[in-house]
Amino acid sequence: MADTAGATRDRNAAASEDADLATETLKRRREVLSVLVRARADELDGALRALDPSPEFEVLRSPEFGLAMTRGRIGGGGAPFNLGEVTVTRTVVRLASGEVGYGHILGRDRERAHLVAVFDALWQSEATRAFVEDRVVAPVAARAAKEDRQVRVKTAATRVNFFTMVRGEN
């Protein structure tokens, strides 16, 4: 009976470790996708051309356009409201090794959505994950961070501080 309880504990511990690893992998994939969608088509195309051998894949869902409702909040904390619709492009590809990649981007750019899907699938493959991290994710993240800093500096230069003066009653 003790052997059965020990084996059950071992299986539960292994299952818990597997679930933790899956959660961490999913979290990292979301981070990678958030960087990939900020990549320019030429950055993605150049990296894909540098990959040897070129990956084989099939298109499961051709790039297609659609609309998505964007939501906003006044001051970041107010009640959400519908701001308006934006165009989006989505596509799905599957590598010959079986990994399925999804590309969803703002705007109407079939090529970029396709490349995002390809790199999503390549990132999921252990054989090409390091390549995607080093040749795509790191440089795009650095460029995006630099552009964000420039926007923040430019915005800070135009900031106006308003204050209210209260007059005392005489």
N, C-alpha and C. Protein backbone atom coordinates (compact mmCIF):
# COMPACT_ATOMS: atom_id res chain seq x y z
N MET A 1 0.82 -1.19 0.00
CA MET A 1 0.00 0.00 0.00
C MET A 1 0.86 1.25 0.00
N ALA A 2 1.97 1.23 0.75
CA ALA A 2 2.86 2.39 0.81
C ALA A 2 3.50 2.64 -0.55
N ASP A 3 3.82 1.55 -1.29
CA ASP A 3 4.41 1.72 -2.62
C ASP A 3 3.44 2.40 -3.57
N THR A 4 2.19 2.06 -3.49
CA THR A 4 1.18 2.67 -4.35
C THR A 4 1.03 4.15 -4.04
N ALA A 5 1.01 4.51 -2.75
CA ALA A 5 0.89 5.92 -2.36
C ALA A 5 2.11 6.70 -2.81
N GLY A 6 3.30 6.12 -2.71
CA GLY A 6 4.52 6.78 -3.16
C GLY A 6 4.53 6.99 -4.66
N ALA A 7 4.07 5.98 -5.38
CA ALA A 7 4.01 6.09 -6.84
C ALA A 7 3.00 7.17 -7.26
N THR A 8 1.89 7.24 -6.54
CA THR A 8 0.89 8.26 -6.84
C THR A 8 1.45 9.65 -6.60
N ARG A 9 2.18 9.82 -5.47
CA ARG A 9 2.80 11.12 -5.18
C ARG A 9 3.80 11.49 -6.27
N ASP A 10 4.59 10.52 -6.72
CA ASP A 10 5.58 10.78 -7.77
C ASP A 10 4.90 11.19 -9.07
N ARG A 11 3.80 10.48 -9.41
CA ARG A 11 3.07 10.84 -10.63
C ARG A 11 2.46 12.24 -10.51
N ASN A 12 1.91 12.55 -9.33
CA ASN A 12 1.32 13.87 -9.12
C ASN A 12 2.38 14.97 -9.20
N ALA A 13 3.54 14.70 -8.62
CA ALA A 13 4.63 15.68 -8.67
C ALA A 13 5.10 15.88 -10.10
N ALA A 14 5.22 14.80 -10.85
CA ALA A 14 5.63 14.90 -12.25
C ALA A 14 4.59 15.66 -13.07
N ALA A 15 3.33 15.39 -12.82
CA ALA A 15 2.25 16.08 -13.53
C ALA A 15 2.26 17.57 -13.20
N SER A 16 2.52 17.89 -11.94
CA SER A 16 2.58 19.29 -11.52
C SER A 16 3.75 20.00 -12.20
N GLU A 17 4.91 19.34 -12.28
CA GLU A 17 6.07 19.92 -12.96
C GLU A 17 5.78 20.13 -14.44
N ASP A 18 5.11 19.16 -15.07
CA ASP A 18 4.74 19.28 -16.48
C ASP A 18 3.78 20.46 -16.70
N ALA A 19 2.83 20.62 -15.78
CA ALA A 19 1.87 21.72 -15.90
C ALA A 19 2.58 23.06 -15.73
N ASP A 20 3.52 23.14 -14.77
CA ASP A 20 4.29 24.37 -14.58
C ASP A 20 5.10 24.71 -15.82
N LEU A 21 5.74 23.70 -16.42
CA LEU A 21 6.53 23.91 -17.62
C LEU A 21 5.64 24.37 -18.78
N ALA A 22 4.47 23.76 -18.91
CA ALA A 22 3.53 24.15 -19.97
C ALA A 22 3.07 25.59 -19.77
N THR A 23 2.82 25.98 -18.53
CA THR A 23 2.40 27.34 -18.23
C THR A 23 3.50 28.33 -18.56
N GLU A 24 4.73 28.01 -18.19
CA GLU A 24 5.87 28.89 -18.50
C GLU A 24 6.09 28.99 -20.01
N THR A 25 5.94 27.88 -20.71
CA THR A 25 6.11 27.88 -22.17
C THR A 25 5.03 28.73 -22.83
N LEU A 26 3.80 28.59 -22.38
CA LEU A 26 2.71 29.39 -22.92
C LEU A 26 2.94 30.88 -22.65
N LYS A 27 3.40 31.20 -21.46
CA LYS A 27 3.67 32.59 -21.10
C LYS A 27 4.76 33.15 -22.01
N ARG A 28 5.83 32.39 -22.22
CA ARG A 28 6.92 32.85 -23.08
C ARG A 28 6.45 32.97 -24.53
N ARG A 29 5.60 32.06 -24.99
CA ARG A 29 5.09 32.13 -26.36
C ARG A 29 4.28 33.41 -26.55
N ARG A 30 3.49 33.78 -25.57
CA ARG A 30 2.73 35.03 -25.65
C ARG A 30 3.67 36.22 -25.76
N GLU A 31 4.75 36.21 -24.98
CA GLU A 31 5.74 37.28 -25.04
C GLU A 31 6.38 37.34 -26.42
N VAL A 32 6.73 36.18 -26.96
CA VAL A 32 7.35 36.13 -28.29
C VAL A 32 6.38 36.65 -29.34
N LEU A 33 5.13 36.24 -29.28
CA LEU A 33 4.14 36.72 -30.24
C LEU A 33 3.94 38.23 -30.14
N SER A 34 4.00 38.77 -28.93
CA SER A 34 3.84 40.22 -28.78
C SER A 34 5.01 40.97 -29.42
N VAL A 35 6.17 40.34 -29.49
CA VAL A 35 7.31 40.94 -30.18
C VAL A 35 7.18 40.72 -31.69
N LEU A 36 6.80 39.53 -32.09
CA LEU A 36 6.69 39.22 -33.52
C LEU A 36 5.72 40.15 -34.23
N VAL A 37 4.63 40.51 -33.58
CA VAL A 37 3.65 41.37 -34.25
C VAL A 37 4.18 42.79 -34.43
N ARG A 38 5.23 43.15 -33.71
CA ARG A 38 5.84 44.48 -33.87
C ARG A 38 6.96 44.46 -34.92
N ALA A 39 7.29 43.27 -35.41
CA ALA A 39 8.35 43.15 -36.41
C ALA A 39 7.85 43.65 -37.76
N ARG A 40 8.76 44.24 -38.52
CA ARG A 40 8.45 44.67 -39.88
C ARG A 40 8.61 43.47 -40.81
N ALA A 41 7.92 43.51 -41.92
CA ALA A 41 7.97 42.40 -42.88
C ALA A 41 9.39 42.15 -43.36
N ASP A 42 10.18 43.22 -43.59
CA ASP A 42 11.55 43.03 -44.07
C ASP A 42 12.43 42.36 -43.02
N GLU A 43 12.20 42.65 -41.74
CA GLU A 43 12.96 41.98 -40.68
C GLU A 43 12.66 40.48 -40.66
N LEU A 44 11.38 40.16 -40.75
CA LEU A 44 10.97 38.75 -40.73
C LEU A 44 11.43 38.02 -41.98
N ASP A 45 11.30 38.67 -43.13
CA ASP A 45 11.70 38.04 -44.39
C ASP A 45 13.20 37.78 -44.41
N GLY A 46 13.99 38.75 -43.94
CA GLY A 46 15.44 38.57 -43.90
C GLY A 46 15.84 37.42 -43.00
N ALA A 47 15.19 37.30 -41.86
CA ALA A 47 15.50 36.20 -40.94
C ALA A 47 15.09 34.86 -41.53
N LEU A 48 13.97 34.82 -42.22
CA LEU A 48 13.52 33.57 -42.83
C LEU A 48 14.48 33.12 -43.93
N ARG A 49 14.99 34.08 -44.69
CA ARG A 49 15.96 33.75 -45.75
C ARG A 49 17.28 33.24 -45.15
N ALA A 50 17.61 33.71 -43.95
CA ALA A 50 18.86 33.29 -43.30
C ALA A 50 18.75 31.89 -42.70
N LEU A 51 17.57 31.38 -42.56
CA LEU A 51 17.36 30.06 -41.96
C LEU A 51 17.70 28.98 -42.99
N ASP A 52 18.62 28.12 -42.62
CA ASP A 52 19.02 27.05 -43.53
C ASP A 52 18.94 25.72 -42.80
N PRO A 53 18.22 24.76 -43.24
CA PRO A 53 17.42 24.75 -44.46
C PRO A 53 16.11 25.51 -44.26
N SER A 54 15.56 25.96 -45.38
CA SER A 54 14.30 26.70 -45.34
C SER A 54 13.19 25.77 -44.85
N PRO A 55 12.36 26.25 -43.93
CA PRO A 55 11.32 25.36 -43.37
C PRO A 55 10.24 25.02 -44.39
N GLU A 56 9.76 23.81 -44.31
CA GLU A 56 8.62 23.40 -45.13
C GLU A 56 7.37 23.54 -44.29
N PHE A 57 6.34 24.12 -44.88
CA PHE A 57 5.09 24.31 -44.15
C PHE A 57 3.94 24.33 -45.13
N GLU A 58 2.75 24.14 -44.59
CA GLU A 58 1.54 24.26 -45.38
C GLU A 58 0.66 25.33 -44.76
N VAL A 59 -0.07 26.02 -45.59
CA VAL A 59 -0.98 27.07 -45.12
C VAL A 59 -2.32 26.41 -44.78
N LEU A 60 -2.69 26.48 -43.51
CA LEU A 60 -3.97 25.92 -43.07
C LEU A 60 -5.11 26.92 -43.27
N ARG A 61 -4.80 28.19 -43.08
CA ARG A 61 -5.79 29.26 -43.29
C ARG A 61 -5.04 30.38 -44.00
N SER A 62 -5.45 30.65 -45.22
CA SER A 62 -4.83 31.72 -45.99
C SER A 62 -5.04 33.05 -45.27
N PRO A 63 -4.10 33.99 -45.47
CA PRO A 63 -4.29 35.30 -44.83
C PRO A 63 -5.62 35.93 -45.26
N GLU A 64 -6.36 36.40 -44.27
CA GLU A 64 -7.65 37.03 -44.54
C GLU A 64 -7.82 38.24 -43.65
N PHE A 65 -8.58 39.20 -44.15
CA PHE A 65 -8.82 40.43 -43.43
C PHE A 65 -10.12 40.35 -42.65
N GLY A 66 -10.19 41.10 -41.58
CA GLY A 66 -11.40 41.19 -40.80
C GLY A 66 -11.38 42.44 -39.95
N LEU A 67 -12.37 42.58 -39.10
CA LEU A 67 -12.47 43.73 -38.20
C LEU A 67 -12.50 43.24 -36.76
N ALA A 68 -11.93 44.03 -35.89
CA ALA A 68 -11.98 43.75 -34.45
C ALA A 68 -12.38 45.04 -33.74
N MET A 69 -13.20 44.91 -32.73
CA MET A 69 -13.61 46.08 -31.95
C MET A 69 -12.53 46.38 -30.92
N THR A 70 -12.09 47.63 -30.88
CA THR A 70 -11.13 48.03 -29.86
C THR A 70 -11.88 48.69 -28.72
N ARG A 71 -11.36 48.50 -27.52
CA ARG A 71 -12.00 49.06 -26.33
C ARG A 71 -11.01 50.01 -25.67
N GLY A 72 -11.54 50.98 -24.98
CA GLY A 72 -10.70 51.95 -24.29
C GLY A 72 -11.23 52.21 -22.90
N ARG A 73 -10.42 52.93 -22.13
CA ARG A 73 -10.80 53.36 -20.78
C ARG A 73 -10.29 54.78 -20.59
N ILE A 74 -11.10 55.62 -20.03
CA ILE A 74 -10.67 56.98 -19.74
C ILE A 74 -9.72 56.92 -18.56
N GLY A 75 -8.53 57.46 -18.72
CA GLY A 75 -7.55 57.49 -17.64
C GLY A 75 -7.00 56.12 -17.28
N GLY A 76 -7.27 55.13 -18.07
CA GLY A 76 -6.74 53.79 -17.80
C GLY A 76 -7.51 53.03 -16.73
N GLY A 77 -8.40 53.66 -16.02
CA GLY A 77 -9.10 52.97 -14.94
C GLY A 77 -10.60 53.14 -14.97
N GLY A 78 -11.10 53.89 -15.93
CA GLY A 78 -12.54 54.12 -16.01
C GLY A 78 -13.26 52.92 -16.59
N ALA A 79 -14.55 53.09 -16.77
CA ALA A 79 -15.36 52.02 -17.35
C ALA A 79 -14.97 51.83 -18.82
N PRO A 80 -14.86 50.59 -19.27
CA PRO A 80 -14.49 50.35 -20.67
C PRO A 80 -15.60 50.79 -21.63
N PHE A 81 -15.19 51.25 -22.79
CA PHE A 81 -16.15 51.65 -23.82
C PHE A 81 -15.61 51.21 -25.18
N ASN A 82 -16.50 51.04 -26.15
CA ASN A 82 -16.10 50.67 -27.50
C ASN A 82 -15.52 51.91 -28.19
N LEU A 83 -14.27 51.80 -28.59
CA LEU A 83 -13.59 52.92 -29.22
C LEU A 83 -13.84 52.94 -30.72
N GLY A 84 -13.80 51.80 -31.34
CA GLY A 84 -14.03 51.70 -32.78
C GLY A 84 -13.47 50.40 -33.31
N GLU A 85 -13.65 50.19 -34.60
CA GLU A 85 -13.17 48.96 -35.22
C GLU A 85 -11.84 49.20 -35.91
N VAL A 86 -10.99 48.17 -35.92
CA VAL A 86 -9.72 48.22 -36.61
C VAL A 86 -9.64 47.00 -37.52
N THR A 87 -8.89 47.13 -38.61
CA THR A 87 -8.71 45.98 -39.49
C THR A 87 -7.62 45.08 -38.93
N VAL A 88 -7.81 43.79 -39.10
CA VAL A 88 -6.83 42.81 -38.67
C VAL A 88 -6.64 41.79 -39.80
N THR A 89 -5.47 41.17 -39.81
CA THR A 89 -5.18 40.10 -40.76
C THR A 89 -4.78 38.89 -39.96
N ARG A 90 -5.29 37.72 -40.35
CA ARG A 90 -4.94 36.50 -39.63
C ARG A 90 -4.61 35.40 -40.64
N THR A 91 -3.78 34.47 -40.19
CA THR A 91 -3.42 33.32 -41.00
C THR A 91 -2.91 32.22 -40.08
N VAL A 92 -2.92 30.98 -40.58
CA VAL A 92 -2.46 29.83 -39.80
C VAL A 92 -1.62 28.95 -40.72
N VAL A 93 -0.45 28.51 -40.23
CA VAL A 93 0.42 27.60 -40.98
C VAL A 93 0.80 26.42 -40.10
N ARG A 94 1.21 25.32 -40.76
CA ARG A 94 1.70 24.15 -40.02
C ARG A 94 3.03 23.72 -40.64
N LEU A 95 4.04 23.59 -39.80
CA LEU A 95 5.34 23.11 -40.27
C LEU A 95 5.24 21.62 -40.62
N ALA A 96 6.18 21.15 -41.42
CA ALA A 96 6.21 19.74 -41.77
C ALA A 96 6.38 18.87 -40.52
N SER A 97 7.01 19.43 -39.47
CA SER A 97 7.20 18.69 -38.22
C SER A 97 5.96 18.71 -37.33
N GLY A 98 4.92 19.47 -37.72
CA GLY A 98 3.64 19.42 -37.01
C GLY A 98 3.28 20.64 -36.19
N GLU A 99 4.22 21.55 -35.92
CA GLU A 99 3.92 22.74 -35.12
C GLU A 99 3.00 23.67 -35.92
N VAL A 100 1.99 24.21 -35.23
CA VAL A 100 1.02 25.11 -35.87
C VAL A 100 1.29 26.52 -35.37
N GLY A 101 1.44 27.45 -36.31
CA GLY A 101 1.72 28.84 -35.98
C GLY A 101 0.56 29.73 -36.40
N TYR A 102 0.30 30.74 -35.58
CA TYR A 102 -0.81 31.67 -35.81
C TYR A 102 -0.24 33.08 -36.00
N GLY A 103 -0.77 33.78 -36.96
CA GLY A 103 -0.38 35.16 -37.18
C GLY A 103 -1.60 36.05 -37.17
N HIS A 104 -1.69 36.94 -36.19
CA HIS A 104 -2.76 37.94 -36.10
C HIS A 104 -2.09 39.29 -35.96
N ILE A 105 -2.34 40.19 -36.90
CA ILE A 105 -1.73 41.52 -36.84
C ILE A 105 -2.77 42.58 -37.10
N LEU A 106 -2.50 43.80 -36.63
CA LEU A 106 -3.35 44.93 -36.96
C LEU A 106 -3.02 45.36 -38.38
N GLY A 107 -4.03 45.75 -39.12
CA GLY A 107 -3.82 46.23 -40.47
C GLY A 107 -4.07 45.16 -41.52
N ARG A 108 -3.75 45.53 -42.76
CA ARG A 108 -4.01 44.65 -43.89
C ARG A 108 -2.69 44.31 -44.56
N ASP A 109 -1.92 43.43 -43.97
CA ASP A 109 -0.63 43.04 -44.52
C ASP A 109 -0.53 41.52 -44.49
N ARG A 110 -0.91 40.92 -45.61
CA ARG A 110 -0.93 39.45 -45.70
C ARG A 110 0.45 38.85 -45.48
N GLU A 111 1.47 39.45 -46.10
CA GLU A 111 2.82 38.90 -46.00
C GLU A 111 3.32 38.89 -44.56
N ARG A 112 3.12 40.00 -43.86
CA ARG A 112 3.60 40.08 -42.48
C ARG A 112 2.85 39.11 -41.57
N ALA A 113 1.55 38.99 -41.74
CA ALA A 113 0.77 38.03 -40.95
C ALA A 113 1.26 36.62 -41.21
N HIS A 114 1.53 36.31 -42.47
CA HIS A 114 2.05 34.99 -42.84
C HIS A 114 3.40 34.73 -42.17
N LEU A 115 4.29 35.71 -42.21
CA LEU A 115 5.61 35.54 -41.60
C LEU A 115 5.53 35.41 -40.08
N VAL A 116 4.62 36.14 -39.45
CA VAL A 116 4.43 36.01 -37.99
C VAL A 116 3.99 34.58 -37.68
N ALA A 117 3.08 34.03 -38.46
CA ALA A 117 2.62 32.65 -38.24
C ALA A 117 3.76 31.66 -38.42
N VAL A 118 4.57 31.85 -39.44
CA VAL A 118 5.71 30.95 -39.67
C VAL A 118 6.68 31.00 -38.49
N PHE A 119 7.00 32.20 -38.02
CA PHE A 119 7.94 32.30 -36.90
C PHE A 119 7.33 31.83 -35.58
N ASP A 120 6.02 31.95 -35.42
CA ASP A 120 5.37 31.37 -34.25
C ASP A 120 5.56 29.85 -34.25
N ALA A 121 5.34 29.25 -35.40
CA ALA A 121 5.52 27.79 -35.50
C ALA A 121 6.98 27.41 -35.31
N LEU A 122 7.91 28.18 -35.90
CA LEU A 122 9.34 27.88 -35.75
C LEU A 122 9.77 28.01 -34.29
N TRP A 123 9.21 28.98 -33.57
CA TRP A 123 9.57 29.14 -32.16
C TRP A 123 9.14 27.92 -31.35
N GLN A 124 8.03 27.31 -31.71
CA GLN A 124 7.53 26.15 -30.98
C GLN A 124 8.40 24.91 -31.18
N SER A 125 9.16 24.88 -32.28
CA SER A 125 10.03 23.74 -32.56
C SER A 125 11.34 23.90 -31.79
N GLU A 126 11.71 22.87 -31.06
CA GLU A 126 12.97 22.91 -30.30
C GLU A 126 14.17 23.14 -31.21
N ALA A 127 14.09 22.63 -32.45
CA ALA A 127 15.22 22.73 -33.38
C ALA A 127 15.48 24.16 -33.84
N THR A 128 14.47 25.00 -33.88
CA THR A 128 14.64 26.36 -34.41
C THR A 128 14.33 27.46 -33.39
N ARG A 129 14.00 27.09 -32.17
CA ARG A 129 13.64 28.10 -31.16
C ARG A 129 14.77 29.08 -30.90
N ALA A 130 15.99 28.59 -30.76
CA ALA A 130 17.13 29.48 -30.48
C ALA A 130 17.35 30.45 -31.63
N PHE A 131 17.20 29.98 -32.86
CA PHE A 131 17.35 30.86 -34.02
C PHE A 131 16.33 31.99 -33.97
N VAL A 132 15.08 31.65 -33.70
CA VAL A 132 14.02 32.66 -33.64
C VAL A 132 14.30 33.66 -32.52
N GLU A 133 14.72 33.16 -31.37
CA GLU A 133 15.01 34.04 -30.24
C GLU A 133 16.15 35.00 -30.57
N ASP A 134 17.24 34.46 -31.17
CA ASP A 134 18.44 35.26 -31.43
C ASP A 134 18.32 36.17 -32.64
N ARG A 135 17.72 35.68 -33.72
CA ARG A 135 17.72 36.42 -34.98
C ARG A 135 16.48 37.26 -35.21
N VAL A 136 15.42 36.99 -34.45
CA VAL A 136 14.18 37.76 -34.66
C VAL A 136 13.75 38.46 -33.38
N VAL A 137 13.49 37.69 -32.33
CA VAL A 137 12.89 38.26 -31.12
C VAL A 137 13.80 39.30 -30.47
N ALA A 138 15.06 38.98 -30.26
CA ALA A 138 15.96 39.92 -29.58
C ALA A 138 16.14 41.22 -30.36
N PRO A 139 16.46 41.17 -31.68
CA PRO A 139 16.62 42.45 -32.39
C PRO A 139 15.34 43.27 -32.50
N VAL A 140 14.22 42.61 -32.71
CA VAL A 140 12.95 43.35 -32.83
C VAL A 140 12.57 43.96 -31.48
N ALA A 141 12.77 43.21 -30.40
CA ALA A 141 12.46 43.75 -29.07
C ALA A 141 13.35 44.96 -28.77
N ALA A 142 14.62 44.90 -29.15
CA ALA A 142 15.53 46.04 -28.92
C ALA A 142 15.09 47.25 -29.73
N ARG A 143 14.74 47.04 -31.00
CA ARG A 143 14.29 48.15 -31.84
C ARG A 143 12.99 48.74 -31.30
N ALA A 144 12.05 47.91 -30.92
CA ALA A 144 10.77 48.38 -30.40
C ALA A 144 10.96 49.16 -29.09
N ALA A 145 11.85 48.68 -28.23
CA ALA A 145 12.11 49.40 -26.96
C ALA A 145 12.71 50.77 -27.24
N LYS A 146 13.62 50.84 -28.21
CA LYS A 146 14.23 52.12 -28.57
C LYS A 146 13.18 53.08 -29.12
N GLU A 147 12.32 52.59 -29.99
CA GLU A 147 11.25 53.43 -30.54
C GLU A 147 10.30 53.89 -29.44
N ASP A 148 9.99 53.01 -28.50
CA ASP A 148 9.11 53.39 -27.38
C ASP A 148 9.75 54.48 -26.53
N ARG A 149 11.06 54.36 -26.27
CA ARG A 149 11.77 55.39 -25.49
C ARG A 149 11.71 56.74 -26.22
N GLN A 150 11.91 56.72 -27.53
CA GLN A 150 11.89 57.97 -28.31
C GLN A 150 10.51 58.62 -28.23
N VAL A 151 9.47 57.82 -28.31
CA VAL A 151 8.11 58.37 -28.22
C VAL A 151 7.87 58.95 -26.83
N ARG A 152 8.33 58.25 -25.78
CA ARG A 152 8.14 58.76 -24.42
C ARG A 152 8.87 60.09 -24.22
N VAL A 153 10.09 60.20 -24.75
CA VAL A 153 10.86 61.44 -24.62
C VAL A 153 10.16 62.57 -25.36
N LYS A 154 9.69 62.27 -26.57
CA LYS A 154 9.00 63.28 -27.37
C LYS A 154 7.71 63.73 -26.68
N THR A 155 6.99 62.78 -26.11
CA THR A 155 5.74 63.10 -25.41
C THR A 155 6.01 63.90 -24.15
N ALA A 156 7.05 63.54 -23.41
CA ALA A 156 7.37 64.25 -22.17
C ALA A 156 7.72 65.70 -22.44
N ALA A 157 8.30 65.98 -23.59
CA ALA A 157 8.68 67.35 -23.93
C ALA A 157 7.47 68.24 -24.15
N THR A 158 6.33 67.65 -24.46
CA THR A 158 5.12 68.45 -24.70
C THR A 158 4.14 68.41 -23.54
N ARG A 159 4.56 67.83 -22.44
CA ARG A 159 3.66 67.69 -21.28
C ARG A 159 3.36 69.05 -20.66
N VAL A 160 2.12 69.24 -20.32
CA VAL A 160 1.68 70.46 -19.65
C VAL A 160 1.11 70.06 -18.30
N ASN A 161 1.60 70.69 -17.25
CA ASN A 161 1.09 70.42 -15.90
C ASN A 161 0.08 71.51 -15.53
N PHE A 162 -1.11 71.10 -15.23
CA PHE A 162 -2.15 72.02 -14.82
C PHE A 162 -2.29 71.97 -13.30
N PHE A 163 -2.55 73.10 -12.73
CA PHE A 163 -2.79 73.12 -11.29
C PHE A 163 -3.87 74.15 -11.01
N THR A 164 -4.46 74.04 -9.87
CA THR A 164 -5.53 74.93 -9.49
C THR A 164 -5.10 75.73 -8.27
N MET A 165 -5.34 77.02 -8.35
CA MET A 165 -5.04 77.86 -7.19
C MET A 165 -6.36 78.17 -6.50
N VAL A 166 -6.36 78.06 -5.22
CA VAL A 166 -7.56 78.38 -4.46
C VAL A 166 -7.36 79.74 -3.80
N ARG A 167 -8.29 80.64 -4.04
CA ARG A 167 -8.19 81.97 -3.44
C ARG A 167 -8.85 81.95 -2.07
N GLY A 168 -8.25 82.60 -1.17
CA GLY A 168 -8.85 82.72 0.15
C GLY A 168 -9.93 83.79 0.16
N GLU A 169 -10.90 83.61 0.98
CA GLU A 169 -11.96 84.62 1.07
C GLU A 169 -11.50 85.74 1.99
N ASN A 170 -11.76 86.95 1.56
CA ASN A 170 -11.38 88.11 2.36
C ASN A 170 -12.50 88.55 3.23
